[in-house]
Protein backbone atom coordinates (compact mmCIF):
# COMPACT_ATOMS: atom_id res chain seq x y z
CA MET A 1 237.50 304.82 -18.50
CA THR A 2 235.70 304.06 -15.28
CA THR A 3 238.84 304.60 -13.20
CA LYS A 4 239.49 307.94 -14.90
CA THR A 5 235.92 309.04 -14.23
CA LYS A 6 236.17 308.13 -10.54
CA ASN A 7 239.48 309.91 -10.24
CA SER A 8 238.01 312.96 -11.97
CA ASN A 9 235.05 313.04 -9.59
CA ALA A 10 237.34 312.62 -6.59
CA SER A 11 239.64 315.40 -7.74
CA PHE A 12 236.61 317.67 -8.28
CA ALA A 13 235.44 316.97 -4.74
CA ASN A 14 238.91 317.73 -3.44
CA ARG A 15 238.88 321.08 -5.24
CA LEU A 16 235.72 322.18 -3.40
CA PRO A 17 236.36 324.85 -0.76
CA ILE A 18 236.41 323.50 2.79
CA SER A 19 233.61 325.87 3.76
CA GLU A 20 231.37 324.50 0.99
CA VAL A 21 232.08 320.91 1.99
CA TRP A 22 231.10 321.63 5.60
CA GLN A 23 228.08 323.60 4.39
CA ARG A 24 226.83 320.55 2.50
CA ARG A 25 227.42 318.28 5.47
CA LEU A 26 225.59 320.64 7.83
CA THR A 27 222.69 320.95 5.41
CA THR A 28 222.34 317.18 5.15
CA LEU A 29 222.81 316.24 8.80
CA ALA A 30 221.30 319.21 10.63
CA PRO A 31 217.72 317.79 10.69
CA VAL A 32 218.95 314.44 12.03
CA TRP A 33 220.94 316.07 14.83
CA THR A 34 217.97 318.31 15.59
CA LEU A 35 215.70 315.29 15.95
CA LEU A 36 218.17 313.48 18.22
CA ALA A 37 218.70 316.58 20.35
CA MET A 38 214.96 317.10 20.76
CA GLY A 39 214.39 313.46 21.64
CA LEU A 40 217.13 313.57 24.27
CA PHE A 41 215.89 316.87 25.73
CA PHE A 42 212.25 315.80 26.05
CA SER A 43 213.17 312.35 27.38
CA LEU A 44 215.14 314.02 30.20
CA THR A 45 212.53 316.67 30.99
CA SER A 46 209.41 314.51 30.76
CA GLN A 47 208.74 311.16 32.43
CA THR A 48 206.05 310.22 29.92
CA PHE A 49 207.77 311.11 26.64
CA LEU A 50 209.46 307.73 26.01
CA ARG A 51 206.48 305.61 26.96
CA PRO A 52 205.33 303.39 24.07
CA ILE A 53 201.82 304.82 24.18
CA ASN A 54 203.20 308.36 23.79
CA LEU A 55 205.50 307.38 20.94
CA ASN A 56 202.51 305.79 19.26
CA ASN A 57 200.64 309.05 19.78
CA ILE A 58 203.39 310.95 17.99
CA LEU A 59 203.06 308.68 14.96
CA SER A 60 199.30 309.11 14.98
CA GLN A 61 199.61 312.88 15.26
CA ILE A 62 201.92 313.21 12.26
CA ALA A 63 200.23 310.58 10.07
CA THR A 64 197.78 312.98 8.42
CA LEU A 65 200.58 315.50 7.88
CA ALA A 66 202.64 312.72 6.29
CA ILE A 67 199.96 312.23 3.63
CA PHE A 68 199.82 315.96 2.98
CA GLY A 69 203.62 316.11 3.07
CA THR A 70 203.99 313.45 0.39
CA GLY A 71 202.26 315.64 -2.16
CA MET A 72 203.84 318.86 -0.89
CA THR A 73 207.34 317.37 -1.24
CA PHE A 74 206.78 316.83 -4.96
CA VAL A 75 205.66 320.46 -5.34
CA LEU A 76 208.47 322.02 -3.28
CA LEU A 77 211.08 319.98 -5.14
CA THR A 78 210.09 321.84 -8.32
CA GLY A 79 210.55 325.17 -6.52
CA GLU A 80 206.80 325.83 -6.37
CA ILE A 81 204.17 325.80 -3.61
CA ASP A 82 200.58 324.61 -3.13
CA LEU A 83 198.42 326.73 -0.81
CA SER A 84 195.18 324.87 -1.56
CA ILE A 85 195.78 321.57 0.25
CA ALA A 86 193.80 322.39 3.43
CA ALA A 87 190.77 323.62 1.49
CA MET A 88 190.86 320.64 -0.87
CA ALA A 89 191.06 318.27 2.08
CA ALA A 90 187.92 319.84 3.57
CA LEU A 91 186.16 319.63 0.20
CA SER A 92 187.15 316.00 -0.23
CA GLY A 93 185.73 315.03 3.14
CA MET A 94 182.53 317.00 2.58
CA ILE A 95 181.89 315.52 -0.87
CA SER A 96 182.30 311.96 0.34
CA ALA A 97 180.09 312.54 3.40
CA HIS A 98 177.43 314.36 1.32
CA LEU A 99 177.25 311.63 -1.31
CA TYR A 100 177.14 308.92 1.35
CA THR A 101 174.67 310.53 3.78
CA ASN A 102 172.44 312.87 1.79
CA LEU A 103 172.45 311.24 -1.64
CA GLU A 104 172.89 307.67 -0.31
CA TYR A 105 175.49 306.54 -2.82
CA PRO A 106 177.01 303.16 -1.90
CA GLU A 107 180.67 302.80 -1.02
CA PRO A 108 183.23 303.25 -2.48
CA ILE A 109 181.62 305.74 -4.89
CA PRO A 110 181.68 308.68 -2.39
CA LEU A 111 185.38 308.19 -1.64
CA LEU A 112 186.34 307.80 -5.31
CA ALA A 113 184.33 310.89 -6.22
CA ALA A 114 186.05 312.89 -3.48
CA LEU A 115 189.53 311.76 -4.53
CA GLY A 116 188.70 312.43 -8.18
CA THR A 117 187.50 315.95 -7.41
CA ALA A 118 190.61 316.87 -5.41
CA THR A 119 192.86 315.40 -8.11
CA LEU A 120 190.98 317.34 -10.81
CA LEU A 121 191.33 320.61 -8.91
CA GLY A 122 195.06 319.99 -8.54
CA PHE A 123 195.27 319.38 -12.28
CA LEU A 124 193.39 322.62 -12.99
CA SER A 125 195.83 324.51 -10.74
CA GLY A 126 198.65 323.12 -12.86
CA ILE A 127 196.95 324.05 -16.11
CA ALA A 128 196.28 327.59 -14.90
CA THR A 129 199.91 327.92 -13.86
CA VAL A 130 201.59 326.65 -17.02
CA ARG A 131 199.02 327.87 -19.56
CA PHE A 132 198.63 331.43 -18.30
CA ARG A 133 201.98 331.72 -16.47
CA ILE A 134 200.30 332.43 -13.15
CA PRO A 135 202.65 331.86 -10.18
CA THR A 136 201.63 328.83 -8.15
CA PHE A 137 201.35 331.08 -5.11
CA MET A 138 198.38 332.83 -6.78
CA SER A 139 196.87 329.94 -8.75
CA THR A 140 196.72 327.63 -5.73
CA LEU A 141 195.50 330.46 -3.52
CA ALA A 142 192.62 331.01 -5.95
CA MET A 143 191.98 327.26 -6.01
CA SER A 144 191.85 327.33 -2.22
CA LEU A 145 189.05 329.89 -2.40
CA ILE A 146 187.22 327.81 -5.02
CA ALA A 147 187.48 324.63 -2.94
CA GLY A 148 186.41 326.47 0.20
CA GLY A 149 183.43 327.97 -1.59
CA LEU A 150 182.32 324.57 -2.89
CA THR A 151 182.64 323.11 0.60
CA THR A 152 180.45 325.84 2.05
CA TYR A 153 177.88 325.44 -0.73
CA ILE A 154 177.63 321.67 -0.31
CA SER A 155 177.55 321.71 3.48
CA LYS A 156 175.40 324.84 3.90
CA GLY A 157 177.62 325.47 6.91
CA ARG A 158 176.58 322.26 8.67
CA VAL A 159 178.71 319.44 10.04
CA ILE A 160 177.93 315.95 8.69
CA THR A 161 178.45 313.28 11.34
CA GLN A 162 177.41 310.24 9.31
CA ILE A 163 180.44 309.32 7.21
CA PRO A 164 181.49 306.34 5.06
CA GLU A 165 182.66 303.29 7.00
CA VAL A 166 185.80 303.00 4.88
CA ALA A 167 186.81 306.51 5.95
CA THR A 168 186.19 305.60 9.60
CA PHE A 169 188.38 302.52 9.21
CA LEU A 170 191.19 304.48 7.53
CA GLY A 171 191.11 307.29 10.07
CA SER A 172 190.28 305.52 13.34
CA GLY A 173 190.75 301.80 12.75
CA ARG A 174 193.45 299.72 14.40
CA ILE A 175 195.20 296.51 13.48
CA GLY A 176 195.89 294.22 16.44
CA GLY A 177 193.17 295.31 18.85
CA ASN A 178 192.77 298.45 20.91
CA ASP A 179 196.50 298.67 21.56
CA GLY A 180 197.45 297.88 17.96
CA ILE A 181 198.86 300.15 15.30
CA ARG A 182 196.52 302.64 13.69
CA VAL A 183 195.52 302.07 10.07
CA LEU A 184 196.17 305.79 9.53
CA VAL A 185 199.85 305.29 10.34
CA ILE A 186 200.07 302.44 7.83
CA VAL A 187 198.40 304.54 5.12
CA ALA A 188 200.84 307.38 5.80
CA ALA A 189 203.82 305.02 5.65
CA ILE A 190 202.62 303.62 2.31
CA CYS A 191 202.24 307.14 0.89
CA LEU A 192 205.77 308.13 1.92
CA ALA A 193 207.19 304.85 0.62
CA VAL A 194 205.51 305.20 -2.78
CA GLY A 195 206.66 308.80 -3.03
CA HIS A 196 210.23 307.78 -2.18
CA VAL A 197 210.28 305.06 -4.84
CA VAL A 198 208.92 307.44 -7.49
CA LEU A 199 211.42 310.19 -6.69
CA ARG A 200 214.42 307.92 -6.21
CA TYR A 201 214.03 305.24 -8.86
CA THR A 202 211.98 306.62 -11.77
CA ARG A 203 212.73 308.92 -14.68
CA PHE A 204 209.87 311.17 -13.61
CA GLY A 205 211.51 311.60 -10.21
CA ARG A 206 214.77 312.67 -11.83
CA TYR A 207 212.87 315.15 -13.96
CA VAL A 208 211.26 316.63 -10.84
CA TYR A 209 214.68 317.27 -9.30
CA MET A 210 216.06 318.70 -12.54
CA THR A 211 213.07 321.01 -12.93
CA GLY A 212 213.52 322.34 -9.41
CA ALA A 213 217.28 322.74 -9.76
CA SER A 214 216.99 324.86 -12.91
CA LYS A 215 213.97 325.10 -15.19
CA PRO A 216 215.92 326.67 -18.10
CA ALA A 217 218.55 323.96 -17.94
CA ALA A 218 215.88 321.26 -17.71
CA ARG A 219 214.15 322.66 -20.80
CA LEU A 220 217.44 322.67 -22.71
CA ALA A 221 217.85 319.01 -21.70
CA GLY A 222 214.53 318.25 -23.40
CA ILE A 223 212.33 318.03 -20.31
CA ASN A 224 208.77 319.30 -20.58
CA THR A 225 208.84 321.34 -17.37
CA ASP A 226 205.25 322.51 -17.86
CA MET A 227 204.07 318.91 -17.84
CA ILE A 228 206.17 318.12 -14.76
CA LEU A 229 204.69 321.07 -12.87
CA THR A 230 201.14 320.09 -13.86
CA ILE A 231 201.71 316.51 -12.71
CA VAL A 232 203.18 317.45 -9.33
CA LEU A 233 200.24 319.77 -8.58
CA THR A 234 197.88 316.97 -9.61
CA ILE A 235 199.71 314.61 -7.26
CA SER A 236 199.44 317.17 -4.48
CA GLY A 237 195.69 317.43 -5.08
CA PHE A 238 195.29 313.66 -4.86
CA PHE A 239 197.16 313.38 -1.56
CA ALA A 240 195.26 316.37 -0.17
CA GLY A 241 192.02 314.58 -1.01
CA LEU A 242 193.24 311.39 0.65
CA ALA A 243 194.32 313.33 3.72
CA GLY A 244 190.88 314.92 3.89
CA ILE A 245 189.21 311.52 3.88
CA VAL A 246 191.38 310.04 6.63
CA SER A 247 191.08 313.25 8.64
CA MET A 248 187.30 313.00 8.40
CA GLY A 249 187.52 309.40 9.55
CA ARG A 250 189.70 310.36 12.50
CA LEU A 251 187.42 313.22 13.58
CA GLY A 252 184.25 311.23 12.94
CA SER A 253 182.64 314.03 10.92
CA ALA A 254 182.98 316.18 7.81
CA GLN A 255 183.69 319.81 8.70
CA PRO A 256 182.40 322.77 6.63
CA ASP A 257 185.63 324.72 7.19
CA ALA A 258 189.22 323.89 6.33
CA ILE A 259 191.66 323.39 9.19
CA PRO A 260 194.21 326.22 8.63
CA SER A 261 196.97 324.50 10.60
CA PHE A 262 197.17 321.73 7.98
CA LEU A 263 198.83 324.06 5.49
CA ILE A 264 201.46 325.67 7.71
CA ASP A 265 202.16 322.42 9.58
CA THR A 266 202.71 320.55 6.33
CA ILE A 267 205.05 323.14 4.83
CA GLY A 268 206.84 323.49 8.16
CA ALA A 269 207.40 319.75 8.52
CA VAL A 270 208.70 319.33 4.96
CA VAL A 271 211.06 322.30 5.30
CA LEU A 272 212.27 321.16 8.74
CA GLY A 273 213.44 317.95 7.11
CA GLY A 274 215.70 319.80 4.70
CA THR A 275 213.70 320.05 1.48
CA ALA A 276 214.71 323.34 -0.12
CA LEU A 277 212.06 325.97 -0.76
CA THR A 278 214.01 326.88 -3.89
CA GLY A 279 213.62 323.35 -5.28
CA GLY A 280 215.96 320.61 -6.42
CA ARG A 281 217.01 319.35 -2.98
CA GLY A 282 215.21 317.08 -0.53
CA GLY A 283 213.01 314.00 -0.74
CA MET A 284 210.70 311.72 1.20
CA LEU A 285 213.36 310.64 3.70
CA GLN A 286 213.95 314.29 4.57
CA THR A 287 210.19 314.79 4.84
CA LEU A 288 209.98 311.85 7.25
CA ILE A 289 212.70 313.38 9.43
CA GLY A 290 210.90 316.72 9.35
CA LEU A 291 207.62 315.10 10.35
CA LEU A 292 209.29 313.39 13.28
CA ILE A 293 210.90 316.68 14.37
CA TYR A 294 207.57 318.48 14.16
CA GLY A 295 205.70 315.72 15.98
CA THR A 296 208.39 315.45 18.65
CA LEU A 297 208.35 319.20 19.21
CA ARG A 298 204.58 319.45 19.48
CA ASN A 299 204.23 316.38 21.67
CA GLY A 300 207.24 317.19 23.82
CA LEU A 301 205.97 320.67 24.63
CA ASP A 302 202.64 319.16 25.67
CA ASN A 303 204.45 316.80 28.06
CA ILE A 304 206.27 319.56 29.93
CA PRO A 305 203.79 321.17 32.34
CA GLN A 306 206.26 323.92 33.28
CA ILE A 307 205.89 325.49 29.82
CA ASP A 308 203.02 327.95 29.61
CA VAL A 309 200.37 326.67 27.22
CA TYR A 310 200.21 330.11 25.63
CA LEU A 311 203.90 329.95 24.72
CA LYS A 312 203.80 326.65 22.81
CA ASP A 313 202.79 328.16 19.48
CA PHE A 314 205.43 330.86 19.95
CA ILE A 315 208.16 328.28 20.56
CA THR A 316 207.03 326.21 17.58
CA GLY A 317 207.08 329.31 15.41
CA VAL A 318 210.60 330.23 16.52
CA VAL A 319 211.85 326.73 15.65
CA LEU A 320 210.14 326.88 12.27
CA LEU A 321 211.55 330.33 11.48
CA THR A 322 215.04 329.15 12.44
CA ALA A 323 214.65 326.18 10.12
CA LEU A 324 213.54 328.43 7.28
CA VAL A 325 216.56 330.69 7.76
CA VAL A 326 218.93 327.72 7.81
CA ASN A 327 217.17 326.27 4.76
CA VAL A 328 217.63 329.42 2.70
CA VAL A 329 221.17 330.24 3.89
CA PHE A 330 222.49 326.74 3.27
CA SER A 331 220.56 326.09 0.07
CA GLY A 332 223.51 327.39 -1.96
CA LYS A 333 221.14 329.11 -4.39
CA ALA A 334 220.89 332.61 -2.98
CA PRO A 335 222.34 335.18 -5.40
CA ARG A 336 224.57 336.66 -2.71
CA ASP A 337 226.20 333.25 -2.22
CA ARG A 338 227.46 333.39 -5.83
CA THR A 339 228.36 337.05 -6.14
CA GLY A 340 229.79 337.75 -2.69
């Protein structure tokens, strides 16, 4: 029976059109080749790019995005999106700083309260989406406004510079002295590793992929897709809260406004790695590749003085748009791919 099954699978693969086989290979390997090409280009055009201190800087620069990206990967795999992560990160940092500084709550209560609030808001986004059939684009956009409003109310528009010591350690601490690895990088690596294990080796992870691939088919298979969507938005809220805490620790203060670049940078990095916007394809390894591409691009442009500083955002945008086009064209889910 096993031999017949293997032969059947092999014969099915052999029946695939050559163009589709190459399409799948390009989709899988394109981000890896992009990363290698960028690394080679910047190493040849910049004398400082391959220095250990600069490579360490790249890891530090993408660490916060990696925490955001862990939650966003879960959401994108279901074919949905979360536009509230930047605002929830700002709210998380402000709540923890306010409880610690103004209300003088002892640690770790401020951090737990901040994480709990962000997780709760993510859960409410999920409930609003599945209960009232509001698209996640709108429900998370509304939640972004709610989180931003709460941040403004709590902060009264002021920056809080006295923050919990645990947040300072997570965001700015090092292991191994001044030249050691940042704690932030370790936290980011743990987040990606946990996300990878959940998606790759658990039943819930399989349900996430099945929901993103086809919600109707997943429902027919007995999967509660509404529950899956609620959980992934809750997970995204938790990681957004954690990212807000470490970001506060890295900056040394709680800011009253969300950092807009967090949202577009996170989505851009996850998509650059090959996670499909339409859902059902991707994972944490792809997100890691995308983060490295994004960090390499940003850092490499900064290390080439010949490039006009005013063109760097333009170049980054062009690369991101190209990645989005490739992502959609090679996703194999566009209607024209099936009817043409």
